[in-house]
Amino acid sequence: MIKRDIKPRDILTADAFDNAMVLDLAMGGSTNTVLHTIAIAREAGVLAFDMRRMAELAKQVPNICKVSPSSDYHIEDIQAAAHHDDAGEIRG
C-alpha cells in the first residue's frame, strides 16, 4: 500500500462502509458498530453513510447468525470455524 501510495481515505468509500454494515447485519453485530461506523465514515468524508443508509441495508440483509453480544458466540468462534477441514478438525 505504501509503494502504491494508497491512503486510508482511498479505501474508505461508500461501498466499503456498505460492505462493513452488510456483514454486521448478517452477523447480528453490536449497536456499537452503528456508532463507530458512522463516526469513521464522517471522518473519511463519506457523508452519505448515515442512519438512513443503514436502515435501507437492514431491509435487504437477512440475519444469518448471531455473535456476541447477541449470543454466546464470539468473532473468534467464527474464525475458528473457518479453519475446520472436511472432517471437522481444526487446522492450524
PDB file of N, CA and C in Angstrom:
ATOM      1  N   MET A   1       0.821  -1.181   0.000  1.00  0.00           N
ATOM      2  CA  MET A   1       0.000   0.000   0.000  1.00  0.00           C
ATOM      3  C   MET A   1       0.870   1.251   0.000  1.00  0.00           C
ATOM      4  N   ILE A   2       1.991   1.184   0.706  1.00  0.00           N
ATOM      5  CA  ILE A   2       2.874   2.344   0.756  1.00  0.00           C
ATOM      6  C   ILE A   2       3.479   2.596  -0.617  1.00  0.00           C
ATOM      7  N   LYS A   3       3.955   1.526  -1.267  1.00  0.00           N
ATOM      8  CA  LYS A   3       4.561   1.680  -2.583  1.00  0.00           C
ATOM      9  C   LYS A   3       3.569   2.241  -3.603  1.00  0.00           C
ATOM     10  N   ARG A   4       2.306   1.877  -3.458  1.00  0.00           N
ATOM     11  CA  ARG A   4       1.275   2.345  -4.395  1.00  0.00           C
ATOM     12  C   ARG A   4       0.635   3.649  -3.929  1.00  0.00           C
ATOM     13  N   ASP A   5       1.104   4.183  -2.803  1.00  0.00           N
ATOM     14  CA  ASP A   5       0.597   5.437  -2.239  1.00  0.00           C
ATOM     15  C   ASP A   5      -0.912   5.388  -1.972  1.00  0.00           C
ATOM     16  N   ILE A   6      -1.362   4.242  -1.463  1.00  0.00           N
ATOM     17  CA  ILE A   6      -2.776   4.086  -1.114  1.00  0.00           C
ATOM     18  C   ILE A   6      -2.957   4.540   0.330  1.00  0.00           C
ATOM     19  N   LYS A   7      -3.850   5.479   0.508  1.00  0.00           N
ATOM     20  CA  LYS A   7      -4.131   6.048   1.823  1.00  0.00           C
ATOM     21  C   LYS A   7      -5.464   5.499   2.340  1.00  0.00           C
ATOM     22  N   PRO A   8      -5.681   5.557   3.654  1.00  0.00           N
ATOM     23  CA  PRO A   8      -6.955   5.075   4.197  1.00  0.00           C
ATOM     24  C   PRO A   8      -8.173   5.668   3.502  1.00  0.00           C
ATOM     25  N   ARG A   9      -8.132   6.940   3.189  1.00  0.00           N
ATOM     26  CA  ARG A   9      -9.293   7.568   2.541  1.00  0.00           C
ATOM     27  C   ARG A   9      -9.525   7.042   1.130  1.00  0.00           C
ATOM     28  N   ASP A  10      -8.508   6.401   0.540  1.00  0.00           N
ATOM     29  CA  ASP A  10      -8.681   5.802  -0.783  1.00  0.00           C
ATOM     30  C   ASP A  10      -9.536   4.538  -0.719  1.00  0.00           C
ATOM     31  N   ILE A  11      -9.517   3.866   0.413  1.00  0.00           N
ATOM     32  CA  ILE A  11     -10.289   2.623   0.533  1.00  0.00           C
ATOM     33  C   ILE A  11     -11.543   2.776   1.386  1.00  0.00           C
ATOM     34  N   LEU A  12     -11.641   3.856   2.144  1.00  0.00           N
ATOM     35  CA  LEU A  12     -12.832   4.109   2.955  1.00  0.00           C
ATOM     36  C   LEU A  12     -13.886   4.807   2.099  1.00  0.00           C
ATOM     37  N   THR A  13     -14.522   4.017   1.252  1.00  0.00           N
ATOM     38  CA  THR A  13     -15.513   4.523   0.307  1.00  0.00           C
ATOM     39  C   THR A  13     -16.920   4.178   0.789  1.00  0.00           C
ATOM     40  N   ALA A  14     -17.914   4.728   0.123  1.00  0.00           N
ATOM     41  CA  ALA A  14     -19.302   4.396   0.458  1.00  0.00           C
ATOM     42  C   ALA A  14     -19.539   2.894   0.314  1.00  0.00           C
ATOM     43  N   ASP A  15     -18.995   2.292  -0.739  1.00  0.00           N
ATOM     44  CA  ASP A  15     -19.145   0.840  -0.923  1.00  0.00           C
ATOM     45  C   ASP A  15     -18.493   0.057   0.212  1.00  0.00           C
ATOM     46  N   ALA A  16     -17.337   0.515   0.667  1.00  0.00           N
ATOM     47  CA  ALA A  16     -16.652  -0.170   1.764  1.00  0.00           C
ATOM     48  C   ALA A  16     -17.483  -0.116   3.047  1.00  0.00           C
ATOM     49  N   PHE A  17     -18.091   1.025   3.307  1.00  0.00           N
ATOM     50  CA  PHE A  17     -18.934   1.137   4.503  1.00  0.00           C
ATOM     51  C   PHE A  17     -20.201   0.291   4.362  1.00  0.00           C
ATOM     52  N   ASP A  18     -20.770   0.255   3.166  1.00  0.00           N
ATOM     53  CA  ASP A  18     -21.921  -0.624   2.929  1.00  0.00           C
ATOM     54  C   ASP A  18     -21.537  -2.077   3.200  1.00  0.00           C
ATOM     55  N   ASN A  19     -20.395  -2.500   2.689  1.00  0.00           N
ATOM     56  CA  ASN A  19     -19.947  -3.883   2.895  1.00  0.00           C
ATOM     57  C   ASN A  19     -19.765  -4.199   4.372  1.00  0.00           C
ATOM     58  N   ALA A  20     -19.177  -3.272   5.098  1.00  0.00           N
ATOM     59  CA  ALA A  20     -18.974  -3.485   6.534  1.00  0.00           C
ATOM     60  C   ALA A  20     -20.314  -3.636   7.252  1.00  0.00           C
ATOM     61  N   MET A  21     -21.281  -2.806   6.896  1.00  0.00           N
ATOM     62  CA  MET A  21     -22.579  -2.862   7.556  1.00  0.00           C
ATOM     63  C   MET A  21     -23.344  -4.117   7.168  1.00  0.00           C
ATOM     64  N   VAL A  22     -23.229  -4.542   5.917  1.00  0.00           N
ATOM     65  CA  VAL A  22     -23.883  -5.779   5.488  1.00  0.00           C
ATOM     66  C   VAL A  22     -23.370  -6.955   6.320  1.00  0.00           C
ATOM     67  N   LEU A  23     -22.066  -7.026   6.510  1.00  0.00           N
ATOM     68  CA  LEU A  23     -21.508  -8.099   7.341  1.00  0.00           C
ATOM     69  C   LEU A  23     -22.037  -8.011   8.764  1.00  0.00           C
ATOM     70  N   ASP A  24     -22.048  -6.822   9.331  1.00  0.00           N
ATOM     71  CA  ASP A  24     -22.529  -6.648  10.699  1.00  0.00           C
ATOM     72  C   ASP A  24     -24.003  -7.052  10.826  1.00  0.00           C
ATOM     73  N   LEU A  25     -24.806  -6.646   9.869  1.00  0.00           N
ATOM     74  CA  LEU A  25     -26.230  -7.006   9.886  1.00  0.00           C
ATOM     75  C   LEU A  25     -26.411  -8.509   9.773  1.00  0.00           C
ATOM     76  N   ALA A  26     -25.674  -9.130   8.883  1.00  0.00           N
ATOM     77  CA  ALA A  26     -25.802 -10.579   8.678  1.00  0.00           C
ATOM     78  C   ALA A  26     -25.407 -11.355   9.922  1.00  0.00           C
ATOM     79  N   MET A  27     -24.476 -10.790  10.701  1.00  0.00           N
ATOM     80  CA  MET A  27     -23.984 -11.491  11.880  1.00  0.00           C
ATOM     81  C   MET A  27     -24.625 -11.006  13.185  1.00  0.00           C
ATOM     82  N   GLY A  28     -25.617 -10.140  13.085  1.00  0.00           N
ATOM     83  CA  GLY A  28     -26.292  -9.691  14.296  1.00  0.00           C
ATOM     84  C   GLY A  28     -25.359  -8.949  15.229  1.00  0.00           C
ATOM     85  N   GLY A  29     -24.534  -8.091  14.676  1.00  0.00           N
ATOM     86  CA  GLY A  29     -23.496  -7.401  15.446  1.00  0.00           C
ATOM     87  C   GLY A  29     -24.026  -6.378  16.435  1.00  0.00           C
ATOM     88  N   SER A  30     -23.098  -5.658  16.980  1.00  0.00           N
ATOM     89  CA  SER A  30     -23.355  -4.734  18.078  1.00  0.00           C
ATOM     90  C   SER A  30     -23.854  -3.372  17.610  1.00  0.00           C
ATOM     91  N   THR A  31     -24.606  -2.719  18.467  1.00  0.00           N
ATOM     92  CA  THR A  31     -25.018  -1.346  18.182  1.00  0.00           C
ATOM     93  C   THR A  31     -23.808  -0.414  18.182  1.00  0.00           C
ATOM     94  N   ASN A  32     -22.729  -0.820  18.832  1.00  0.00           N
ATOM     95  CA  ASN A  32     -21.506  -0.018  18.783  1.00  0.00           C
ATOM     96  C   ASN A  32     -21.010   0.122  17.349  1.00  0.00           C
ATOM     97  N   THR A  33     -21.264  -0.893  16.534  1.00  0.00           N
ATOM     98  CA  THR A  33     -20.863  -0.811  15.129  1.00  0.00           C
ATOM     99  C   THR A  33     -21.516   0.383  14.467  1.00  0.00           C
ATOM    100  N   VAL A  34     -22.777   0.609  14.765  1.00  0.00           N
ATOM    101  CA  VAL A  34     -23.510   1.736  14.178  1.00  0.00           C
ATOM    102  C   VAL A  34     -22.824   3.045  14.544  1.00  0.00           C
ATOM    103  N   LEU A  35     -22.576   3.241  15.808  1.00  0.00           N
ATOM    104  CA  LEU A  35     -21.970   4.494  16.271  1.00  0.00           C
ATOM    105  C   LEU A  35     -20.587   4.716  15.681  1.00  0.00           C
ATOM    106  N   HIS A  36     -19.757   3.690  15.751  1.00  0.00           N
ATOM    107  CA  HIS A  36     -18.377   3.847  15.301  1.00  0.00           C
ATOM    108  C   HIS A  36     -18.275   3.943  13.783  1.00  0.00           C
ATOM    109  N   THR A  37     -19.089   3.186  13.064  1.00  0.00           N
ATOM    110  CA  THR A  37     -19.016   3.215  11.604  1.00  0.00           C
ATOM    111  C   THR A  37     -19.469   4.573  11.072  1.00  0.00           C
ATOM    112  N   ILE A  38     -20.517   5.124  11.634  1.00  0.00           N
ATOM    113  CA  ILE A  38     -20.956   6.456  11.214  1.00  0.00           C
ATOM    114  C   ILE A  38     -19.863   7.485  11.495  1.00  0.00           C
ATOM    115  N   ALA A  39     -19.240   7.398  12.659  1.00  0.00           N
ATOM    116  CA  ALA A  39     -18.183   8.357  13.009  1.00  0.00           C
ATOM    117  C   ALA A  39     -16.994   8.238  12.058  1.00  0.00           C
ATOM    118  N   ILE A  40     -16.593   7.020  11.749  1.00  0.00           N
ATOM    119  CA  ILE A  40     -15.467   6.817  10.836  1.00  0.00           C
ATOM    120  C   ILE A  40     -15.832   7.299   9.433  1.00  0.00           C
ATOM    121  N   ALA A  41     -17.048   7.008   8.987  1.00  0.00           N
ATOM    122  CA  ALA A  41     -17.488   7.461   7.663  1.00  0.00           C
ATOM    123  C   ALA A  41     -17.468   8.982   7.575  1.00  0.00           C
ATOM    124  N   ARG A  42     -17.954   9.634   8.591  1.00  0.00           N
ATOM    125  CA  ARG A  42     -17.946  11.108   8.585  1.00  0.00           C
ATOM    126  C   ARG A  42     -16.527  11.641   8.535  1.00  0.00           C
ATOM    127  N   GLU A  43     -15.655  11.057   9.327  1.00  0.00           N
ATOM    128  CA  GLU A  43     -14.254  11.499   9.339  1.00  0.00           C
ATOM    129  C   GLU A  43     -13.614  11.285   7.965  1.00  0.00           C
ATOM    130  N   ALA A  44     -14.020  10.215   7.272  1.00  0.00           N
ATOM    131  CA  ALA A  44     -13.485   9.915   5.937  1.00  0.00           C
ATOM    132  C   ALA A  44     -14.169  10.725   4.845  1.00  0.00           C
ATOM    133  N   GLY A  45     -15.168  11.508   5.213  1.00  0.00           N
ATOM    134  CA  GLY A  45     -15.869  12.328   4.229  1.00  0.00           C
ATOM    135  C   GLY A  45     -16.958  11.609   3.457  1.00  0.00           C
ATOM    136  N   VAL A  46     -17.372  10.445   3.962  1.00  0.00           N
ATOM    137  CA  VAL A  46     -18.440   9.674   3.316  1.00  0.00           C
ATOM    138  C   VAL A  46     -19.747  10.011   4.038  1.00  0.00           C
ATOM    139  N   LEU A  47     -20.285  11.173   3.704  1.00  0.00           N
ATOM    140  CA  LEU A  47     -21.445  11.697   4.430  1.00  0.00           C
ATOM    141  C   LEU A  47     -22.740  10.979   4.074  1.00  0.00           C
ATOM    142  N   ALA A  48     -22.767  10.279   2.944  1.00  0.00           N
ATOM    143  CA  ALA A  48     -23.980   9.561   2.545  1.00  0.00           C
ATOM    144  C   ALA A  48     -24.216   8.316   3.396  1.00  0.00           C
ATOM    145  N   PHE A  49     -23.196   7.895   4.147  1.00  0.00           N
ATOM    146  CA  PHE A  49     -23.362   6.727   5.021  1.00  0.00           C
ATOM    147  C   PHE A  49     -23.863   7.212   6.369  1.00  0.00           C
ATOM    148  N   ASP A  50     -25.178   7.069   6.574  1.00  0.00           N
ATOM    149  CA  ASP A  50     -25.809   7.551   7.788  1.00  0.00           C
ATOM    150  C   ASP A  50     -26.879   6.553   8.222  1.00  0.00           C
ATOM    151  N   MET A  51     -27.680   6.931   9.196  1.00  0.00           N
ATOM    152  CA  MET A  51     -28.717   6.024   9.703  1.00  0.00           C
ATOM    153  C   MET A  51     -29.719   5.641   8.615  1.00  0.00           C
ATOM    154  N   ARG A  52     -30.035   6.560   7.722  1.00  0.00           N
ATOM    155  CA  ARG A  52     -30.959   6.228   6.635  1.00  0.00           C
ATOM    156  C   ARG A  52     -30.378   5.128   5.754  1.00  0.00           C
ATOM    157  N   ARG A  53     -29.088   5.246   5.437  1.00  0.00           N
ATOM    158  CA  ARG A  53     -28.448   4.225   4.602  1.00  0.00           C
ATOM    159  C   ARG A  53     -28.418   2.889   5.326  1.00  0.00           C
ATOM    160  N   MET A  54     -28.142   2.906   6.606  1.00  0.00           N
ATOM    161  CA  MET A  54     -28.135   1.661   7.384  1.00  0.00           C
ATOM    162  C   MET A  54     -29.521   1.026   7.402  1.00  0.00           C
ATOM    163  N   ALA A  55     -30.547   1.832   7.523  1.00  0.00           N
ATOM    164  CA  ALA A  55     -31.920   1.312   7.523  1.00  0.00           C
ATOM    165  C   ALA A  55     -32.257   0.682   6.175  1.00  0.00           C
ATOM    166  N   GLU A  56     -31.795   1.304   5.078  1.00  0.00           N
ATOM    167  CA  GLU A  56     -32.008   0.720   3.752  1.00  0.00           C
ATOM    168  C   GLU A  56     -31.340  -0.648   3.646  1.00  0.00           C
ATOM    169  N   LEU A  57     -30.115  -0.736   4.119  1.00  0.00           N
ATOM    170  CA  LEU A  57     -29.399  -2.010   4.079  1.00  0.00           C
ATOM    171  C   LEU A  57     -30.075  -3.054   4.968  1.00  0.00           C
ATOM    172  N   ALA A  58     -30.539  -2.636   6.140  1.00  0.00           N
ATOM    173  CA  ALA A  58     -31.174  -3.571   7.077  1.00  0.00           C
ATOM    174  C   ALA A  58     -32.426  -4.205   6.484  1.00  0.00           C
ATOM    175  N   LYS A  59     -33.115  -3.493   5.596  1.00  0.00           N
ATOM    176  CA  LYS A  59     -34.302  -4.047   4.942  1.00  0.00           C
ATOM    177  C   LYS A  59     -33.941  -5.125   3.925  1.00  0.00           C
ATOM    178  N   GLN A  60     -32.702  -5.124   3.457  1.00  0.00           N
ATOM    179  CA  GLN A  60     -32.271  -6.039   2.405  1.00  0.00           C
ATOM    180  C   GLN A  60     -31.453  -7.232   2.890  1.00  0.00           C
ATOM    181  N   VAL A  61     -30.848  -7.108   4.063  1.00  0.00           N
ATOM    182  CA  VAL A  61     -29.876  -8.106   4.514  1.00  0.00           C
ATOM    183  C   VAL A  61     -30.483  -9.010   5.578  1.00  0.00           C
ATOM    184  N   PRO A  62     -30.497 -10.320   5.326  1.00  0.00           N
ATOM    185  CA  PRO A  62     -31.007 -11.234   6.353  1.00  0.00           C
ATOM    186  C   PRO A  62     -29.981 -11.444   7.466  1.00  0.00           C
ATOM    187  N   ASN A  63     -30.463 -11.696   8.647  1.00  0.00           N
ATOM    188  CA  ASN A  63     -29.595 -12.037   9.765  1.00  0.00           C
ATOM    189  C   ASN A  63     -29.390 -13.544   9.714  1.00  0.00           C
ATOM    190  N   ILE A  64     -28.181 -13.989   9.390  1.00  0.00           N
ATOM    191  CA  ILE A  64     -27.934 -15.421   9.194  1.00  0.00           C
ATOM    192  C   ILE A  64     -27.262 -16.095  10.386  1.00  0.00           C
ATOM    193  N   CYS A  65     -26.727 -15.306  11.309  1.00  0.00           N
ATOM    194  CA  CYS A  65     -26.163 -15.870  12.533  1.00  0.00           C
ATOM    195  C   CYS A  65     -26.071 -14.746  13.564  1.00  0.00           C
ATOM    196  N   LYS A  66     -25.758 -15.119  14.766  1.00  0.00           N
ATOM    197  CA  LYS A  66     -25.626 -14.111  15.809  1.00  0.00           C
ATOM    198  C   LYS A  66     -24.307 -14.311  16.534  1.00  0.00           C
ATOM    199  N   VAL A  67     -23.608 -13.220  16.719  1.00  0.00           N
ATOM    200  CA  VAL A  67     -22.377 -13.233  17.505  1.00  0.00           C
ATOM    201  C   VAL A  67     -22.562 -12.282  18.675  1.00  0.00           C
ATOM    202  N   SER A  68     -21.657 -12.384  19.629  1.00  0.00           N
ATOM    203  CA  SER A  68     -21.726 -11.541  20.812  1.00  0.00           C
ATOM    204  C   SER A  68     -21.833 -10.072  20.402  1.00  0.00           C
ATOM    205  N   PRO A  69     -22.673  -9.304  21.016  1.00  0.00           N
ATOM    206  CA  PRO A  69     -23.405  -9.537  22.257  1.00  0.00           C
ATOM    207  C   PRO A  69     -24.782 -10.174  22.062  1.00  0.00           C
ATOM    208  N   SER A  70     -25.132 -10.550  20.826  1.00  0.00           N
ATOM    209  CA  SER A  70     -26.449 -11.145  20.571  1.00  0.00           C
ATOM    210  C   SER A  70     -26.506 -12.624  20.949  1.00  0.00           C
ATOM    211  N   SER A  71     -25.355 -13.231  21.198  1.00  0.00           N
ATOM    212  CA  SER A  71     -25.306 -14.641  21.579  1.00  0.00           C
ATOM    213  C   SER A  71     -24.030 -14.889  22.368  1.00  0.00           C
ATOM    214  N   ASP A  72     -23.799 -16.155  22.685  1.00  0.00           N
ATOM    215  CA  ASP A  72     -22.581 -16.517  23.416  1.00  0.00           C
ATOM    216  C   ASP A  72     -21.407 -16.787  22.490  1.00  0.00           C
ATOM    217  N   TYR A  73     -21.626 -16.698  21.173  1.00  0.00           N
ATOM    218  CA  TYR A  73     -20.548 -16.920  20.207  1.00  0.00           C
ATOM    219  C   TYR A  73     -19.825 -15.609  19.933  1.00  0.00           C
ATOM    220  N   HIS A  74     -18.531 -15.704  19.757  1.00  0.00           N
ATOM    221  CA  HIS A  74     -17.703 -14.524  19.523  1.00  0.00           C
ATOM    222  C   HIS A  74     -17.062 -14.600  18.147  1.00  0.00           C
ATOM    223  N   ILE A  75     -16.522 -13.505  17.690  1.00  0.00           N
ATOM    224  CA  ILE A  75     -15.898 -13.468  16.369  1.00  0.00           C
ATOM    225  C   ILE A  75     -14.768 -14.492  16.274  1.00  0.00           C
ATOM    226  N   GLU A  76     -14.121 -14.789  17.394  1.00  0.00           N
ATOM    227  CA  GLU A  76     -13.071 -15.811  17.396  1.00  0.00           C
ATOM    228  C   GLU A  76     -13.636 -17.177  17.035  1.00  0.00           C
ATOM    229  N   ASP A  77     -14.886 -17.434  17.432  1.00  0.00           N
ATOM    230  CA  ASP A  77     -15.537 -18.700  17.072  1.00  0.00           C
ATOM    231  C   ASP A  77     -15.771 -18.779  15.562  1.00  0.00           C
ATOM    232  N   ILE A  78     -16.095 -17.652  14.955  1.00  0.00           N
ATOM    233  CA  ILE A  78     -16.276 -17.608  13.506  1.00  0.00           C
ATOM    234  C   ILE A  78     -14.946 -17.890  12.827  1.00  0.00           C
ATOM    235  N   GLN A  79     -13.883 -17.284  13.334  1.00  0.00           N
ATOM    236  CA  GLN A  79     -12.560 -17.509  12.760  1.00  0.00           C
ATOM    237  C   GLN A  79     -12.157 -18.971  12.911  1.00  0.00           C
ATOM    238  N   ALA A  80     -12.401 -19.550  14.076  1.00  0.00           N
ATOM    239  CA  ALA A  80     -12.057 -20.959  14.290  1.00  0.00           C
ATOM    240  C   ALA A  80     -12.857 -21.860  13.346  1.00  0.00           C
ATOM    241  N   ALA A  81     -14.106 -21.532  13.114  1.00  0.00           N
ATOM    242  CA  ALA A  81     -14.927 -22.336  12.211  1.00  0.00           C
ATOM    243  C   ALA A  81     -14.370 -22.302  10.796  1.00  0.00           C
ATOM    244  N   ALA A  82     -13.740 -21.221  10.430  1.00  0.00           N
ATOM    245  CA  ALA A  82     -13.156 -21.105   9.090  1.00  0.00           C
ATOM    246  C   ALA A  82     -11.940 -22.002   8.929  1.00  0.00           C
ATOM    247  N   HIS A  83     -11.396 -22.497  10.027  1.00  0.00           N
ATOM    248  CA  HIS A  83     -10.200 -23.333   9.975  1.00  0.00           C
ATOM    249  C   HIS A  83     -10.509 -24.823  10.124  1.00  0.00           C
ATOM    250  N   HIS A  84     -11.768 -25.206  10.006  1.00  0.00           N
ATOM    251  CA  HIS A  84     -12.130 -26.620  10.058  1.00  0.00           C
ATOM    252  C   HIS A  84     -11.852 -27.262   8.709  1.00  0.00           C
ATOM    253  N   ASP A  85     -11.348 -28.514   8.737  1.00  0.00           N
ATOM    254  CA  ASP A  85     -11.225 -29.222   7.473  1.00  0.00           C
ATOM    255  C   ASP A  85     -12.499 -30.031   7.245  1.00  0.00           C
ATOM    256  N   ASP A  86     -12.542 -30.833   6.204  1.00  0.00           N
ATOM    257  CA  ASP A  86     -13.766 -31.558   5.851  1.00  0.00           C
ATOM    258  C   ASP A  86     -14.210 -32.541   6.922  1.00  0.00           C
ATOM    259  N   ALA A  87     -13.282 -33.013   7.745  1.00  0.00           N
ATOM    260  CA  ALA A  87     -13.627 -33.970   8.804  1.00  0.00           C
ATOM    261  C   ALA A  87     -14.026 -33.256  10.090  1.00  0.00           C
ATOM    262  N   GLY A  88     -14.090 -31.932  10.067  1.00  0.00           N
ATOM    263  CA  GLY A  88     -14.474 -31.191  11.253  1.00  0.00           C
ATOM    264  C   GLY A  88     -13.313 -30.882  12.178  1.00  0.00           C
ATOM    265  N   GLU A  89     -12.105 -31.250  11.761  1.00  0.00           N
ATOM    266  CA  GLU A  89     -10.926 -30.985  12.567  1.00  0.00           C
ATOM    267  C   GLU A  89     -10.465 -29.548  12.345  1.00  0.00           C
ATOM    268  N   ILE A  90      -9.983 -28.941  13.400  1.00  0.00           N
ATOM    269  CA  ILE A  90      -9.487 -27.573  13.282  1.00  0.00           C
ATOM    270  C   ILE A  90      -8.041 -27.632  12.786  1.00  0.00           C
ATOM    271  N   ARG A  91      -7.767 -26.868  11.727  1.00  0.00           N
ATOM    272  CA  ARG A  91      -6.415 -26.754  11.177  1.00  0.00           C
ATOM    273  C   ARG A  91      -5.732 -25.511  11.725  1.00  0.00           C
ATOM    274  N   GLY A  92      -4.443 -25.612  11.917  1.00  0.00           N
ATOM    275  CA  GLY A  92      -3.520 -24.556  12.264  1.00  0.00           C
ATOM    276  C   GLY A  92      -4.041 -23.377  12.889  1.00  0.00           C
TER     277      GLY A  92
END
